[in-house]
Amino acid sequence: MSWPYGAHEAEVYYVEETSYGETPASPNMIGLGTVEDVDPGLDPSNIKVRGIGSRDIQLIRKGLRKVDLKIDYLPPNIGFLDYIISLDSLSVEVFYEKGTNVISLLHKGCRMDKITVELSVESIILKATAELIGQDLAVGTAKVGASYDGPSGVVGVDESYVKKGGATLERASDFKFVIANNLKRVPVIRSTNGHLLKYLTVRHRNLSGEVIFEFETKDEFDDIINDSDFNLEFGLGGTHKTTFSNCKWDQVNTPTRIEDLIALRAPFTAKSVIIL
């Protein structure tokens, strides 16, 4: 008798590809650290063909295969996070293992489309959500790696910081930033693998985020009134950091309620970013 798989039987590992869409032979697979949720998605983009003479669909034909993967994890370092900048292609394996039985979902030709990183004094631990787009998905009953290893640990609030213009902001209670590459699937007319994208190309990049402060000063209001731009730096543990340059606050809000202290919410947009 077989039993359903549970999340405790799932793992996620990746390896960088040397040729787009091709998993290296017998790779040494790398873990992300602690993964909270993983959501593999496969959409055949089926085309439903109708015609006169029948009320029903006459043909269902596969279209462009869409491979998506969303991972919520607790980054111990910037190893996986940095692929939002480098855009190097990856093979990402999600496998489910129960004794000697394995279901392997190998996402090939993946590039990171979007990353969301957030930290708050309530959640304590740095969290990230990575959204990837792949070229193809291979399903198997054996794991593809020669070895599986990866980092451990998490980054807490006491290992992070928020800096504005080089000065530490000790009023911040929460931060979140989003880097979106707006990748585009590009298929071409071809007889071989015509149902797969040929290119996964970058378009315009969106850099945004939000900082929540304990309301102690009028600095953020002054920034908007004076049309000031500035750099924002977020600590990612150890010496690692993300720096957004030429930022401006999109707006500033201070919701004031009788039963609570006042927090200042300040979403921002930036012109450039680096991760070190």
C-alpha atoms as a PDB file:
ATOM      1  CA  MET A   1       0.000   0.000   0.000  1.00  0.00           C
ATOM      2  CA  SER A   2       1.346   3.425  -0.915  1.00  0.00           C
ATOM      3  CA  TRP A   3       1.001   6.541   1.194  1.00  0.00           C
ATOM      4  CA  PRO A   4       0.917  10.226   0.195  1.00  0.00           C
ATOM      5  CA  TYR A   5       4.138  12.200   0.474  1.00  0.00           C
ATOM      6  CA  GLY A   6       4.472  14.852   3.159  1.00  0.00           C
ATOM      7  CA  ALA A   7       6.525  18.038   3.322  1.00  0.00           C
ATOM      8  CA  HIS A   8       8.984  16.285   5.664  1.00  0.00           C
ATOM      9  CA  GLU A   9       9.921  14.046   2.730  1.00  0.00           C
ATOM     10  CA  ALA A  10      10.702  16.908   0.349  1.00  0.00           C
ATOM     11  CA  GLU A  11      14.048  18.586  -0.417  1.00  0.00           C
ATOM     12  CA  VAL A  12      15.210  21.372  -2.755  1.00  0.00           C
ATOM     13  CA  TYR A  13      18.704  21.600  -4.290  1.00  0.00           C
ATOM     14  CA  TYR A  14      20.233  23.396  -7.244  1.00  0.00           C
ATOM     15  CA  VAL A  15      23.299  23.470  -9.477  1.00  0.00           C
ATOM     16  CA  GLU A  16      24.514  26.131 -11.877  1.00  0.00           C
ATOM     17  CA  GLU A  17      24.353  25.174 -15.548  1.00  0.00           C
ATOM     18  CA  THR A  18      27.264  25.630 -17.927  1.00  0.00           C
ATOM     19  CA  SER A  19      24.986  25.409 -20.980  1.00  0.00           C
ATOM     20  CA  TYR A  20      21.486  26.815 -20.824  1.00  0.00           C
ATOM     21  CA  GLY A  21      18.874  24.170 -20.086  1.00  0.00           C
ATOM     22  CA  GLU A  22      21.408  21.353 -19.608  1.00  0.00           C
ATOM     23  CA  THR A  23      22.009  19.849 -16.173  1.00  0.00           C
ATOM     24  CA  PRO A  24      25.698  18.989 -15.619  1.00  0.00           C
ATOM     25  CA  ALA A  25      26.460  15.263 -15.447  1.00  0.00           C
ATOM     26  CA  SER A  26      26.585  13.835 -11.904  1.00  0.00           C
ATOM     27  CA  PRO A  27      26.385  17.297 -10.331  1.00  0.00           C
ATOM     28  CA  ASN A  28      27.188  18.268  -6.774  1.00  0.00           C
ATOM     29  CA  MET A  29      23.864  19.730  -5.709  1.00  0.00           C
ATOM     30  CA  ILE A  30      23.668  22.692  -3.330  1.00  0.00           C
ATOM     31  CA  GLY A  31      20.958  23.303  -0.750  1.00  0.00           C
ATOM     32  CA  LEU A  32      19.306  26.629   0.027  1.00  0.00           C
ATOM     33  CA  GLY A  33      19.270  26.248   3.807  1.00  0.00           C
ATOM     34  CA  THR A  34      15.917  25.997   5.553  1.00  0.00           C
ATOM     35  CA  VAL A  35      13.054  25.860   3.047  1.00  0.00           C
ATOM     36  CA  GLU A  36       9.598  26.651   4.404  1.00  0.00           C
ATOM     37  CA  ASP A  37       7.505  26.170   1.272  1.00  0.00           C
ATOM     38  CA  VAL A  38       8.123  25.059  -2.294  1.00  0.00           C
ATOM     39  CA  ASP A  39       5.611  25.258  -5.130  1.00  0.00           C
ATOM     40  CA  PRO A  40       6.550  23.595  -8.441  1.00  0.00           C
ATOM     41  CA  GLY A  41       4.219  24.457 -11.297  1.00  0.00           C
ATOM     42  CA  LEU A  42       3.843  23.024 -14.804  1.00  0.00           C
ATOM     43  CA  ASP A  43       1.422  24.498 -17.332  1.00  0.00           C
ATOM     44  CA  PRO A  44       1.166  22.981 -20.834  1.00  0.00           C
ATOM     45  CA  SER A  45      -0.790  26.052 -22.080  1.00  0.00           C
ATOM     46  CA  ASN A  46      -3.215  23.709 -23.780  1.00  0.00           C
ATOM     47  CA  ILE A  47      -4.970  25.160 -26.811  1.00  0.00           C
ATOM     48  CA  LYS A  48      -8.651  24.257 -26.995  1.00  0.00           C
ATOM     49  CA  VAL A  49      -9.710  24.146 -30.643  1.00  0.00           C
ATOM     50  CA  ARG A  50     -13.365  24.607 -31.539  1.00  0.00           C
ATOM     51  CA  GLY A  51     -15.113  24.602 -34.875  1.00  0.00           C
ATOM     52  CA  ILE A  52     -18.527  24.532 -36.433  1.00  0.00           C
ATOM     53  CA  GLY A  53     -20.480  21.282 -36.432  1.00  0.00           C
ATOM     54  CA  SER A  54     -20.038  20.513 -32.759  1.00  0.00           C
ATOM     55  CA  ARG A  55     -20.792  22.082 -29.406  1.00  0.00           C
ATOM     56  CA  ASP A  56     -17.718  20.447 -27.915  1.00  0.00           C
ATOM     57  CA  ILE A  57     -14.001  21.046 -28.135  1.00  0.00           C
ATOM     58  CA  GLN A  58     -12.663  19.220 -31.182  1.00  0.00           C
ATOM     59  CA  LEU A  59      -8.975  19.182 -30.309  1.00  0.00           C
ATOM     60  CA  ILE A  60      -6.737  19.875 -27.320  1.00  0.00           C
ATOM     61  CA  ARG A  61      -3.217  20.710 -28.451  1.00  0.00           C
ATOM     62  CA  LYS A  62      -0.244  21.485 -26.214  1.00  0.00           C
ATOM     63  CA  GLY A  63       1.105  25.019 -26.418  1.00  0.00           C
ATOM     64  CA  LEU A  64       4.142  26.654 -24.838  1.00  0.00           C
ATOM     65  CA  ARG A  65       5.228  24.686 -21.763  1.00  0.00           C
ATOM     66  CA  LYS A  66       5.466  26.991 -18.771  1.00  0.00           C
ATOM     67  CA  VAL A  67       7.680  25.883 -15.897  1.00  0.00           C
ATOM     68  CA  ASP A  68       7.454  27.886 -12.695  1.00  0.00           C
ATOM     69  CA  LEU A  69       8.954  27.405  -9.256  1.00  0.00           C
ATOM     70  CA  LYS A  70       8.348  29.399  -6.084  1.00  0.00           C
ATOM     71  CA  ILE A  71      10.472  28.855  -2.986  1.00  0.00           C
ATOM     72  CA  ASP A  72      10.055  30.393   0.476  1.00  0.00           C
ATOM     73  CA  TYR A  73      13.246  29.950   2.448  1.00  0.00           C
ATOM     74  CA  LEU A  74      15.413  31.364   5.235  1.00  0.00           C
ATOM     75  CA  PRO A  75      18.646  32.495   3.535  1.00  0.00           C
ATOM     76  CA  PRO A  76      21.750  31.670   5.601  1.00  0.00           C
ATOM     77  CA  ASN A  77      23.913  33.588   3.102  1.00  0.00           C
ATOM     78  CA  ILE A  78      23.678  35.299  -0.298  1.00  0.00           C
ATOM     79  CA  GLY A  79      24.625  32.207  -2.353  1.00  0.00           C
ATOM     80  CA  PHE A  80      21.205  31.586  -3.915  1.00  0.00           C
ATOM     81  CA  LEU A  81      20.018  35.171  -3.529  1.00  0.00           C
ATOM     82  CA  ASP A  82      22.765  36.487  -5.791  1.00  0.00           C
ATOM     83  CA  TYR A  83      21.273  34.746  -8.853  1.00  0.00           C
ATOM     84  CA  ILE A  84      18.699  37.544  -9.047  1.00  0.00           C
ATOM     85  CA  ILE A  85      21.625  39.764 -10.094  1.00  0.00           C
ATOM     86  CA  SER A  86      23.874  37.385 -12.064  1.00  0.00           C
ATOM     87  CA  LEU A  87      20.921  35.723 -13.869  1.00  0.00           C
ATOM     88  CA  ASP A  88      23.022  32.592 -14.421  1.00  0.00           C
ATOM     89  CA  SER A  89      20.860  29.612 -15.341  1.00  0.00           C
ATOM     90  CA  LEU A  90      20.191  26.841 -12.855  1.00  0.00           C
ATOM     91  CA  SER A  91      18.877  23.332 -12.665  1.00  0.00           C
ATOM     92  CA  VAL A  92      16.712  23.104  -9.547  1.00  0.00           C
ATOM     93  CA  GLU A  93      15.641  19.712  -8.253  1.00  0.00           C
ATOM     94  CA  VAL A  94      12.672  19.244  -5.989  1.00  0.00           C
ATOM     95  CA  PHE A  95      12.531  15.630  -4.882  1.00  0.00           C
ATOM     96  CA  TYR A  96      10.274  13.635  -2.607  1.00  0.00           C
ATOM     97  CA  GLU A  97      11.844  10.620  -0.917  1.00  0.00           C
ATOM     98  CA  LYS A  98      10.074   7.890   1.013  1.00  0.00           C
ATOM     99  CA  GLY A  99      12.427   5.046   1.842  1.00  0.00           C
ATOM    100  CA  THR A 100      13.759   3.809  -1.505  1.00  0.00           C
ATOM    101  CA  ASN A 101      11.000   5.523  -3.493  1.00  0.00           C
ATOM    102  CA  VAL A 102      11.831   8.861  -5.092  1.00  0.00           C
ATOM    103  CA  ILE A 103       9.931  11.353  -7.224  1.00  0.00           C
ATOM    104  CA  SER A 104      12.309  13.861  -8.775  1.00  0.00           C
ATOM    105  CA  LEU A 105      11.137  17.097 -10.414  1.00  0.00           C
ATOM    106  CA  LEU A 106      14.123  18.603 -12.200  1.00  0.00           C
ATOM    107  CA  HIS A 107      13.514  22.181 -13.327  1.00  0.00           C
ATOM    108  CA  LYS A 108      15.988  22.932 -16.100  1.00  0.00           C
ATOM    109  CA  GLY A 109      16.975  26.256 -17.611  1.00  0.00           C
ATOM    110  CA  CYS A 110      15.804  28.257 -14.595  1.00  0.00           C
ATOM    111  CA  ARG A 111      16.507  31.940 -14.105  1.00  0.00           C
ATOM    112  CA  MET A 112      15.383  33.973 -11.129  1.00  0.00           C
ATOM    113  CA  ASP A 113      12.562  36.300 -12.073  1.00  0.00           C
ATOM    114  CA  LYS A 114      11.795  37.874  -8.709  1.00  0.00           C
ATOM    115  CA  ILE A 115      13.077  37.872  -5.145  1.00  0.00           C
ATOM    116  CA  THR A 116      11.373  39.290  -2.075  1.00  0.00           C
ATOM    117  CA  VAL A 117      13.411  39.620   1.129  1.00  0.00           C
ATOM    118  CA  GLU A 118      11.918  40.713   4.435  1.00  0.00           C
ATOM    119  CA  LEU A 119      12.718  40.991   8.125  1.00  0.00           C
ATOM    120  CA  SER A 120      10.754  42.238  11.095  1.00  0.00           C
ATOM    121  CA  VAL A 121      11.231  42.390  14.846  1.00  0.00           C
ATOM    122  CA  GLU A 122       8.172  40.146  15.190  1.00  0.00           C
ATOM    123  CA  SER A 123       9.282  37.344  12.852  1.00  0.00           C
ATOM    124  CA  ILE A 124      12.914  37.704  14.079  1.00  0.00           C
ATOM    125  CA  ILE A 125      14.379  35.770  11.120  1.00  0.00           C
ATOM    126  CA  LEU A 126      15.272  36.974   7.607  1.00  0.00           C
ATOM    127  CA  LYS A 127      12.974  35.424   5.007  1.00  0.00           C
ATOM    128  CA  ALA A 128      13.058  35.307   1.223  1.00  0.00           C
ATOM    129  CA  THR A 129      10.691  34.272  -1.539  1.00  0.00           C
ATOM    130  CA  ALA A 130      12.330  33.341  -4.841  1.00  0.00           C
ATOM    131  CA  GLU A 131      10.258  33.038  -8.023  1.00  0.00           C
ATOM    132  CA  LEU A 132      11.942  31.241 -10.916  1.00  0.00           C
ATOM    133  CA  ILE A 133      10.992  30.519 -14.510  1.00  0.00           C
ATOM    134  CA  GLY A 134      12.338  27.410 -16.212  1.00  0.00           C
ATOM    135  CA  GLN A 135      12.619  26.069 -19.744  1.00  0.00           C
ATOM    136  CA  ASP A 136      11.631  22.462 -19.102  1.00  0.00           C
ATOM    137  CA  LEU A 137      10.789  19.933 -16.404  1.00  0.00           C
ATOM    138  CA  ALA A 138      12.135  16.396 -16.237  1.00  0.00           C
ATOM    139  CA  VAL A 139      10.309  13.911 -14.018  1.00  0.00           C
ATOM    140  CA  GLY A 140      12.135  10.839 -12.737  1.00  0.00           C
ATOM    141  CA  THR A 141      12.293   8.190 -10.034  1.00  0.00           C
ATOM    142  CA  ALA A 142      15.924   8.787  -9.056  1.00  0.00           C
ATOM    143  CA  LYS A 143      17.820  11.808  -7.806  1.00  0.00           C
ATOM    144  CA  VAL A 144      20.165  13.427 -10.331  1.00  0.00           C
ATOM    145  CA  GLY A 145      22.989  14.548  -8.034  1.00  0.00           C
ATOM    146  CA  ALA A 146      26.207  12.779  -7.158  1.00  0.00           C
ATOM    147  CA  SER A 147      26.152  14.576  -3.802  1.00  0.00           C
ATOM    148  CA  TYR A 148      23.842  16.838  -1.847  1.00  0.00           C
ATOM    149  CA  ASP A 149      25.133  19.459   0.540  1.00  0.00           C
ATOM    150  CA  GLY A 150      24.401  23.008   1.533  1.00  0.00           C
ATOM    151  CA  PRO A 151      24.588  25.768   4.116  1.00  0.00           C
ATOM    152  CA  SER A 152      22.732  25.872   7.422  1.00  0.00           C
ATOM    153  CA  GLY A 153      21.747  28.547   9.881  1.00  0.00           C
ATOM    154  CA  VAL A 154      19.565  31.640   9.676  1.00  0.00           C
ATOM    155  CA  VAL A 155      20.001  35.420   9.913  1.00  0.00           C
ATOM    156  CA  GLY A 156      18.285  37.092  12.857  1.00  0.00           C
ATOM    157  CA  VAL A 157      17.436  40.719  13.613  1.00  0.00           C
ATOM    158  CA  ASP A 158      20.584  41.005  15.723  1.00  0.00           C
ATOM    159  CA  GLU A 159      22.676  40.198  12.630  1.00  0.00           C
ATOM    160  CA  SER A 160      20.996  42.725  10.364  1.00  0.00           C
ATOM    161  CA  TYR A 161      20.634  46.483  10.095  1.00  0.00           C
ATOM    162  CA  VAL A 162      19.164  49.277   7.998  1.00  0.00           C
ATOM    163  CA  LYS A 163      21.369  52.163   6.861  1.00  0.00           C
ATOM    164  CA  LYS A 164      20.403  55.320   5.029  1.00  0.00           C
ATOM    165  CA  GLY A 165      23.214  57.335   3.498  1.00  0.00           C
ATOM    166  CA  GLY A 166      25.695  55.275   5.526  1.00  0.00           C
ATOM    167  CA  ALA A 167      24.050  56.046   8.875  1.00  0.00           C
ATOM    168  CA  THR A 168      22.362  53.249  10.825  1.00  0.00           C
ATOM    169  CA  LEU A 169      18.632  53.752  11.354  1.00  0.00           C
ATOM    170  CA  GLU A 170      17.804  52.381  14.778  1.00  0.00           C
ATOM    171  CA  ARG A 171      14.146  53.387  14.390  1.00  0.00           C
ATOM    172  CA  ALA A 172      13.397  50.653  11.833  1.00  0.00           C
ATOM    173  CA  SER A 173      11.237  47.717  12.919  1.00  0.00           C
ATOM    174  CA  ASP A 174      10.593  46.079   9.531  1.00  0.00           C
ATOM    175  CA  PHE A 175      11.996  46.088   6.038  1.00  0.00           C
ATOM    176  CA  LYS A 176      11.150  44.442   2.769  1.00  0.00           C
ATOM    177  CA  PHE A 177      12.685  44.758  -0.668  1.00  0.00           C
ATOM    178  CA  VAL A 178      11.766  43.332  -4.048  1.00  0.00           C
ATOM    179  CA  ILE A 179      13.949  42.849  -7.125  1.00  0.00           C
ATOM    180  CA  ALA A 180      11.985  41.906 -10.248  1.00  0.00           C
ATOM    181  CA  ASN A 181      13.679  41.102 -13.566  1.00  0.00           C
ATOM    182  CA  ASN A 182      10.452  40.812 -15.589  1.00  0.00           C
ATOM    183  CA  LEU A 183      11.774  37.852 -17.570  1.00  0.00           C
ATOM    184  CA  LYS A 184      10.013  37.039 -20.824  1.00  0.00           C
ATOM    185  CA  ARG A 185       9.499  33.597 -22.286  1.00  0.00           C
ATOM    186  CA  VAL A 186      10.399  33.704 -25.983  1.00  0.00           C
ATOM    187  CA  PRO A 187       9.443  30.716 -28.191  1.00  0.00           C
ATOM    188  CA  VAL A 188      10.279  30.434 -31.883  1.00  0.00           C
ATOM    189  CA  ILE A 189       8.904  28.423 -34.780  1.00  0.00           C
ATOM    190  CA  ARG A 190      10.873  25.164 -34.895  1.00  0.00           C
ATOM    191  CA  SER A 191      10.173  21.475 -35.402  1.00  0.00           C
ATOM    192  CA  THR A 192      12.341  20.323 -32.484  1.00  0.00           C
ATOM    193  CA  ASN A 193      11.175  21.350 -29.011  1.00  0.00           C
ATOM    194  CA  GLY A 194       8.797  23.876 -30.490  1.00  0.00           C
ATOM    195  CA  HIS A 195       6.720  23.621 -27.303  1.00  0.00           C
ATOM    196  CA  LEU A 196       9.641  24.930 -25.214  1.00  0.00           C
ATOM    197  CA  LEU A 197      10.867  28.487 -24.924  1.00  0.00           C
ATOM    198  CA  LYS A 198      14.154  29.139 -26.699  1.00  0.00           C
ATOM    199  CA  TYR A 199      15.113  32.315 -24.866  1.00  0.00           C
ATOM    200  CA  LEU A 200      14.346  33.548 -21.372  1.00  0.00           C
ATOM    201  CA  THR A 201      15.282  37.187 -21.655  1.00  0.00           C
ATOM    202  CA  VAL A 202      15.466  40.090 -19.226  1.00  0.00           C
ATOM    203  CA  ARG A 203      13.421  43.230 -19.681  1.00  0.00           C
ATOM    204  CA  HIS A 204      13.085  46.331 -17.510  1.00  0.00           C
ATOM    205  CA  ARG A 205      14.006  45.820 -13.847  1.00  0.00           C
ATOM    206  CA  ASN A 206      11.889  46.962 -10.894  1.00  0.00           C
ATOM    207  CA  LEU A 207      13.561  47.792  -7.577  1.00  0.00           C
ATOM    208  CA  SER A 208      11.270  48.577  -4.688  1.00  0.00           C
ATOM    209  CA  GLY A 209      10.660  47.986  -1.030  1.00  0.00           C
ATOM    210  CA  GLU A 210       9.369  49.370   2.233  1.00  0.00           C
ATOM    211  CA  VAL A 211      10.766  50.345   5.607  1.00  0.00           C
ATOM    212  CA  ILE A 212       8.575  50.636   8.707  1.00  0.00           C
ATOM    213  CA  PHE A 213       9.840  52.970  11.429  1.00  0.00           C
ATOM    214  CA  GLU A 214       8.860  53.798  14.953  1.00  0.00           C
ATOM    215  CA  PHE A 215       7.610  57.373  14.477  1.00  0.00           C
ATOM    216  CA  GLU A 216      10.231  59.497  16.254  1.00  0.00           C
ATOM    217  CA  THR A 217      11.306  62.111  13.676  1.00  0.00           C
ATOM    218  CA  LYS A 218      10.036  63.973  10.629  1.00  0.00           C
ATOM    219  CA  ASP A 219      13.009  62.920   8.463  1.00  0.00           C
ATOM    220  CA  GLU A 220      11.022  60.917   5.910  1.00  0.00           C
ATOM    221  CA  PHE A 221       8.502  63.723   5.453  1.00  0.00           C
ATOM    222  CA  ASP A 222      11.422  66.102   4.876  1.00  0.00           C
ATOM    223  CA  ASP A 223      12.901  63.747   2.280  1.00  0.00           C
ATOM    224  CA  ILE A 224       9.707  63.889   0.220  1.00  0.00           C
ATOM    225  CA  ILE A 225       9.232  67.636   0.604  1.00  0.00           C
ATOM    226  CA  ASN A 226      12.879  68.285  -0.354  1.00  0.00           C
ATOM    227  CA  ASP A 227      12.746  65.718  -3.198  1.00  0.00           C
ATOM    228  CA  SER A 228      15.820  64.033  -1.703  1.00  0.00           C
ATOM    229  CA  ASP A 229      17.347  60.822  -2.950  1.00  0.00           C
ATOM    230  CA  PHE A 230      19.522  58.537  -0.859  1.00  0.00           C
ATOM    231  CA  ASN A 231      21.045  55.076  -0.589  1.00  0.00           C
ATOM    232  CA  LEU A 232      19.507  52.324   1.528  1.00  0.00           C
ATOM    233  CA  GLU A 233      21.598  49.423   2.812  1.00  0.00           C
ATOM    234  CA  PHE A 234      20.184  46.254   4.358  1.00  0.00           C
ATOM    235  CA  GLY A 235      22.340  43.815   6.327  1.00  0.00           C
ATOM    236  CA  LEU A 236      22.008  40.176   5.286  1.00  0.00           C
ATOM    237  CA  GLY A 237      24.172  38.593   7.969  1.00  0.00           C
ATOM    238  CA  GLY A 238      27.940  38.660   8.422  1.00  0.00           C
ATOM    239  CA  THR A 239      29.482  41.096   5.969  1.00  0.00           C
ATOM    240  CA  HIS A 240      26.766  40.539   3.355  1.00  0.00           C
ATOM    241  CA  LYS A 241      24.454  43.373   2.361  1.00  0.00           C
ATOM    242  CA  THR A 242      22.120  44.706  -0.299  1.00  0.00           C
ATOM    243  CA  THR A 243      22.516  48.350  -1.279  1.00  0.00           C
ATOM    244  CA  PHE A 244      19.887  50.272  -3.225  1.00  0.00           C
ATOM    245  CA  SER A 245      21.118  53.510  -4.812  1.00  0.00           C
ATOM    246  CA  ASN A 246      19.272  56.708  -5.752  1.00  0.00           C
ATOM    247  CA  CYS A 247      16.195  55.835  -3.723  1.00  0.00           C
ATOM    248  CA  LYS A 248      13.165  58.023  -3.139  1.00  0.00           C
ATOM    249  CA  TRP A 249      10.223  57.447  -0.851  1.00  0.00           C
ATOM    250  CA  ASP A 250       7.047  56.790  -2.831  1.00  0.00           C
ATOM    251  CA  GLN A 251       4.937  58.013   0.034  1.00  0.00           C
ATOM    252  CA  VAL A 252       4.916  58.292   3.824  1.00  0.00           C
ATOM    253  CA  ASN A 253       2.049  57.224   6.069  1.00  0.00           C
ATOM    254  CA  THR A 254       1.629  57.503   9.834  1.00  0.00           C
ATOM    255  CA  PRO A 255      -1.664  55.752  10.716  1.00  0.00           C
ATOM    256  CA  THR A 256      -2.630  57.098  14.143  1.00  0.00           C
ATOM    257  CA  ARG A 257      -4.959  55.013  16.311  1.00  0.00           C
ATOM    258  CA  ILE A 258      -5.961  55.583  19.881  1.00  0.00           C
ATOM    259  CA  GLU A 259      -4.937  52.155  21.123  1.00  0.00           C
ATOM    260  CA  ASP A 260      -1.417  51.944  19.693  1.00  0.00           C
ATOM    261  CA  LEU A 261       1.890  53.702  19.160  1.00  0.00           C
ATOM    262  CA  ILE A 262       2.478  55.325  15.786  1.00  0.00           C
ATOM    263  CA  ALA A 263       4.433  53.568  13.058  1.00  0.00           C
ATOM    264  CA  LEU A 264       5.669  55.303   9.924  1.00  0.00           C
ATOM    265  CA  ARG A 265       5.428  53.295   6.691  1.00  0.00           C
ATOM    266  CA  ALA A 266       7.691  54.388   3.862  1.00  0.00           C
ATOM    267  CA  PRO A 267       7.688  52.443   0.567  1.00  0.00           C
ATOM    268  CA  PHE A 268      10.557  53.302  -1.786  1.00  0.00           C
ATOM    269  CA  THR A 269      11.754  52.919  -5.355  1.00  0.00           C
ATOM    270  CA  ALA A 270      15.421  52.690  -6.338  1.00  0.00           C
ATOM    271  CA  LYS A 271      17.392  53.092  -9.550  1.00  0.00           C
ATOM    272  CA  SER A 272      20.110  50.460  -8.988  1.00  0.00           C
ATOM    273  CA  VAL A 273      21.108  47.679  -6.618  1.00  0.00           C
ATOM    274  CA  ILE A 274      24.111  45.546  -5.655  1.00  0.00           C
ATOM    275  CA  ILE A 275      24.369  42.482  -3.439  1.00  0.00           C
ATOM    276  CA  LEU A 276      27.704  41.845  -1.738  1.00  0.00           C
END
